[in-house]
Protein backbone atom coordinates (compact mmCIF):
# COMPACT_ATOMS: atom_id res chain seq x y z
CA MET A 1 14.95 -16.37 25.65
CA ASN A 2 11.95 -19.10 25.88
CA ARG A 3 10.65 -20.63 22.90
CA ASP A 4 8.25 -18.40 22.64
CA SER A 5 10.11 -15.66 22.22
CA THR A 6 12.06 -17.46 19.96
CA ALA A 7 9.26 -18.42 17.53
CA GLY A 8 7.66 -14.76 17.75
CA ALA A 9 11.50 -12.96 17.17
CA GLU A 10 11.81 -15.85 14.10
CA HIS A 11 8.35 -14.65 12.84
CA ASP A 12 9.20 -11.02 13.30
CA GLY A 13 12.49 -11.27 11.06
CA ASP A 14 10.07 -13.19 8.59
CA VAL A 15 7.44 -10.15 8.39
CA ASN A 16 10.01 -8.03 8.38
CA GLY A 17 12.06 -9.83 5.73
CA THR A 18 8.95 -10.15 2.84
CA VAL A 19 7.81 -6.50 3.58
CA ARG A 20 11.48 -5.31 2.30
CA GLN A 21 11.63 -7.73 0.04
CA ALA A 22 8.09 -6.24 -1.54
CA VAL A 23 9.14 -2.47 -1.15
CA ALA A 24 12.56 -3.79 -2.95
CA ASP A 25 9.96 -5.21 -5.84
CA ALA A 26 8.04 -2.58 -6.02
CA LEU A 27 10.85 -0.36 -6.31
CA GLU A 28 12.02 -2.03 -9.15
CA ARG A 29 8.79 -1.73 -11.16
CA VAL A 30 8.99 2.25 -10.64
CA ALA A 31 11.69 2.34 -13.64
CA PRO A 32 9.77 0.83 -16.09
CA ARG A 33 6.48 2.61 -15.04
CA LEU A 34 8.00 6.10 -14.91
CA LYS A 35 9.44 5.52 -18.67
CA ARG A 36 5.84 4.03 -19.76
CA VAL A 37 4.12 6.95 -18.57
CA ARG A 38 6.58 9.69 -19.78
CA LEU A 39 6.48 7.82 -23.10
CA GLN A 40 2.51 7.97 -23.37
CA ARG A 41 2.22 11.78 -22.45
CA ARG A 42 4.49 11.93 -25.61
CA LEU A 43 6.66 13.88 -23.43
CA THR A 44 10.58 14.13 -23.59
CA LEU A 45 13.17 13.76 -20.55
CA THR A 46 13.87 17.51 -21.79
CA ASP A 47 9.98 18.61 -21.23
CA VAL A 48 9.86 16.75 -18.03
CA ALA A 49 13.43 18.21 -16.61
CA ALA A 50 11.81 21.87 -17.29
CA SER A 51 8.33 21.51 -15.50
CA THR A 52 9.71 19.49 -12.82
CA GLY A 53 13.29 20.79 -12.21
CA ILE A 54 14.85 17.49 -12.04
CA SER A 55 18.06 17.25 -14.09
CA LYS A 56 17.90 15.16 -17.35
CA SER A 57 20.74 12.87 -16.06
CA THR A 58 18.21 12.07 -12.74
CA LEU A 59 15.52 11.19 -14.66
CA SER A 60 17.39 9.22 -16.80
CA ARG A 61 18.69 7.32 -13.86
CA LEU A 62 15.34 6.83 -12.47
CA GLU A 63 13.82 5.30 -15.96
CA ASN A 64 16.98 2.99 -15.90
CA GLY A 65 16.76 1.68 -12.51
CA GLN A 66 20.06 3.12 -11.59
CA ARG A 67 18.82 5.60 -9.17
CA ARG A 68 16.38 4.90 -6.23
CA PRO A 69 13.17 7.01 -6.32
CA THR A 70 12.52 9.32 -3.27
CA LEU A 71 9.42 10.87 -2.46
CA GLU A 72 10.32 14.08 -3.33
CA LEU A 73 10.95 13.07 -6.86
CA LEU A 74 8.07 10.60 -7.21
CA LEU A 75 5.45 13.41 -6.04
CA ALA A 76 6.94 15.94 -8.90
CA LEU A 77 6.76 13.47 -11.67
CA SER A 78 3.47 12.57 -10.30
CA GLN A 79 2.10 15.90 -10.69
CA ALA A 80 4.14 16.46 -13.88
CA TYR A 81 2.48 13.24 -15.29
CA ARG A 82 -0.99 14.14 -14.18
CA VAL A 83 -1.11 10.51 -12.63
CA PRO A 84 -2.00 9.43 -9.11
CA LEU A 85 1.56 8.66 -6.73
CA ASP A 86 -0.16 4.72 -6.14
CA ASP A 87 -0.29 4.54 -9.76
CA LEU A 88 3.28 5.39 -10.47
CA VAL A 89 4.77 3.10 -7.91
CA GLY A 90 2.31 0.27 -8.78
CA ALA A 91 0.74 -0.11 -5.28
CA PRO A 92 -1.72 -3.05 -4.88
CA GLU A 93 -5.68 -2.84 -4.78
CA VAL A 94 -7.38 -3.47 -1.42
CA GLY A 95 -10.75 -4.12 -3.34
CA ASP A 96 -12.03 -0.47 -2.08
CA PRO A 97 -13.33 1.34 -4.53
CA ARG A 98 -13.42 4.53 -3.09
CA VAL A 99 -10.46 6.77 -4.12
CA ARG A 100 -8.06 7.49 -1.67
CA LEU A 101 -6.94 11.15 -1.33
CA LYS A 102 -3.00 11.18 -0.45
CA PRO A 103 -2.18 14.81 -0.30
CA GLY A 104 1.43 15.94 -1.19
CA ARG A 105 3.76 18.75 -1.60
CA VAL A 106 4.69 20.05 -5.62
CA LYS A 107 6.49 23.10 -5.74
CA GLY A 108 4.80 24.73 -2.55
CA ARG A 109 1.15 23.39 -3.67
CA THR A 110 -0.41 21.21 -2.39
CA VAL A 111 -2.23 18.57 -4.68
CA LEU A 112 -4.70 16.22 -4.06
CA PRO A 113 -5.55 13.45 -6.79
CA LEU A 114 -8.86 12.91 -7.36
CA THR A 115 -9.12 9.99 -10.28
CA ARG A 116 -6.78 6.80 -10.59
CA GLN A 117 -6.47 5.98 -13.93
CA PRO A 118 -3.43 7.15 -15.81
CA ASP A 119 -4.09 7.11 -19.04
CA GLY A 120 -7.25 9.15 -18.46
CA THR A 121 -8.64 12.70 -18.35
CA GLN A 122 -6.77 13.29 -14.54
CA ALA A 123 -8.60 15.34 -11.60
CA TRP A 124 -6.73 17.33 -9.07
CA LYS A 125 -7.27 19.87 -6.10
CA ILE A 126 -5.17 22.32 -5.54
CA VAL A 127 -4.25 24.36 -2.94
CA ILE A 128 -2.19 27.67 -3.98
CA PRO A 129 -0.59 29.53 -0.53
CA THR A 130 0.07 32.99 -0.91
CA SER A 131 3.92 32.73 -1.70
CA LYS A 132 2.97 31.17 -4.92
CA VAL A 133 3.43 34.70 -7.53
CA ALA A 134 6.38 34.27 -9.17
CA PRO A 135 4.99 33.36 -13.08
CA GLN A 136 6.65 30.39 -14.72
CA LEU A 137 5.00 30.20 -18.17
CA ARG A 138 5.53 26.43 -19.49
CA ALA A 139 3.87 24.75 -22.47
CA HIS A 140 3.07 20.99 -23.29
CA ASP A 141 0.24 19.02 -25.13
CA GLY A 142 -3.04 18.33 -23.63
CA HIS A 143 -6.09 20.56 -22.80
CA GLU A 144 -6.66 22.18 -18.79
CA TRP A 145 -10.23 23.23 -17.47
CA ILE A 146 -9.63 24.89 -13.90
CA TYR A 147 -12.66 25.65 -11.71
CA VAL A 148 -12.07 28.13 -8.54
CA LEU A 149 -13.65 26.99 -5.74
CA SER A 150 -11.96 29.59 -3.07
CA GLY A 151 -9.47 32.73 -3.06
CA HIS A 152 -8.49 34.34 -5.99
CA VAL A 153 -6.28 32.81 -8.90
CA ARG A 154 -3.90 34.37 -11.26
CA LEU A 155 -3.79 32.82 -14.99
CA LEU A 156 -1.20 33.90 -17.04
CA LEU A 157 -2.40 32.51 -20.98
CA GLY A 158 -0.21 33.32 -23.79
CA GLU A 159 -0.43 37.55 -23.82
CA HIS A 160 -3.65 37.20 -21.25
CA ASP A 161 -3.53 38.21 -17.72
CA LEU A 162 -6.65 37.31 -16.00
CA VAL A 163 -8.16 36.97 -12.13
CA LEU A 164 -10.36 34.44 -11.81
CA GLY A 165 -12.55 34.16 -8.30
CA PRO A 166 -14.98 31.57 -6.45
CA GLY A 167 -17.22 29.72 -9.35
CA GLU A 168 -15.24 31.23 -12.55
CA VAL A 169 -13.52 28.49 -14.96
CA ALA A 170 -11.33 28.85 -17.54
CA GLU A 171 -10.56 26.02 -20.31
CA PHE A 172 -7.18 26.26 -22.59
CA ASP A 173 -5.20 24.37 -24.68
CA THR A 174 -1.79 23.59 -22.87
CA GLN A 175 0.46 24.23 -25.65
CA VAL A 176 -0.27 27.95 -24.79
CA PRO A 177 1.78 29.29 -22.68
CA HIS A 178 0.33 29.28 -19.14
CA TRP A 179 0.69 29.67 -15.52
CA PHE A 180 -1.51 29.89 -12.38
CA GLY A 181 -0.99 30.98 -9.11
CA SER A 182 -1.75 33.45 -6.23
CA THR A 183 -2.55 37.02 -6.66
CA GLY A 184 -0.32 37.20 -3.33
CA GLN A 185 -3.50 38.44 -1.24
CA GLU A 186 -4.78 35.44 0.07
CA ALA A 187 -4.41 31.42 -0.64
CA ALA A 188 -6.80 29.89 -3.11
CA GLU A 189 -8.48 26.49 -3.78
CA ILE A 190 -9.04 25.34 -7.26
CA LEU A 191 -9.98 21.84 -9.31
CA SER A 192 -7.86 21.10 -12.22
CA ILE A 193 -9.01 18.59 -14.85
CA PHE A 194 -6.24 17.53 -17.30
CA GLY A 195 -6.88 15.81 -20.80
CA ARG A 196 -4.36 14.40 -23.05
CA PRO A 197 -3.92 15.81 -26.68
CA GLY A 198 -6.86 15.21 -28.35
CA GLU A 199 -9.34 15.02 -25.06
CA ARG A 200 -11.26 18.12 -24.14
CA MET A 201 -14.17 19.30 -22.25
CA ASN A 202 -17.90 18.83 -23.27
CA VAL A 203 -18.35 22.62 -21.89
CA ARG A 204 -22.24 23.71 -22.45
CA ALA A 205 -21.97 26.93 -21.19
CA ALA A 206 -18.81 28.73 -22.55
CA PRO A 207 -16.89 31.00 -19.98
CA HIS A 208 -16.88 34.57 -20.19
CA LEU A 209 -13.18 34.29 -20.62
CA PRO A 210 -10.72 36.26 -23.56
CA ALA A 211 -10.05 33.77 -25.93
CA ALA A 212 -6.35 32.31 -26.24
CA PRO A 213 -4.41 33.31 -28.94
CA ALA A 214 -3.50 30.84 -31.54
CA HIS A 215 -0.51 29.01 -31.57
CA GLY A 216 1.42 27.53 -34.35
């Protein structure tokens, strides 16, 4: 091996080592970030386990740094916390003000984060396949607003069972048990905007939907 080849190999080794170290450092910062975001959302490990299907023990080990986070786990938590994946893993800023859409798969749905701030109102574009027809109602703190872009969406909200078409809007308190999915006839695309407890959309024209039942 000549001197140039040796130098090139040494350079590649240094680069690879730097990359590995950067990845290791980023993964070390994921654990406290996961716990901080969960506490900001005022969620318990039990709440998160129920909404994601991830066991409490796995969630605890992720937050304690005892388990290496996988992309599948991070995508599920990203959706549960309404936080872009980049914010969970602490991806560095590169000076580009544009939001870089990176679709992920969460519970069989394609999810694209449209916002970057972890502590403010979160916006998502969600593609719901025809296979997502089995209701799984859940309730949690916050307020949600969904707008149907295409297709038809079935919305279960408390005692109401509704079908929303393109251009229709629903706004509701997420403490009311709810679920939205496919009617089974076609895929659907929606915009979902989620606000933390106390945050609401400023709606000037109320949608023609039944009022959500009062909750205790």
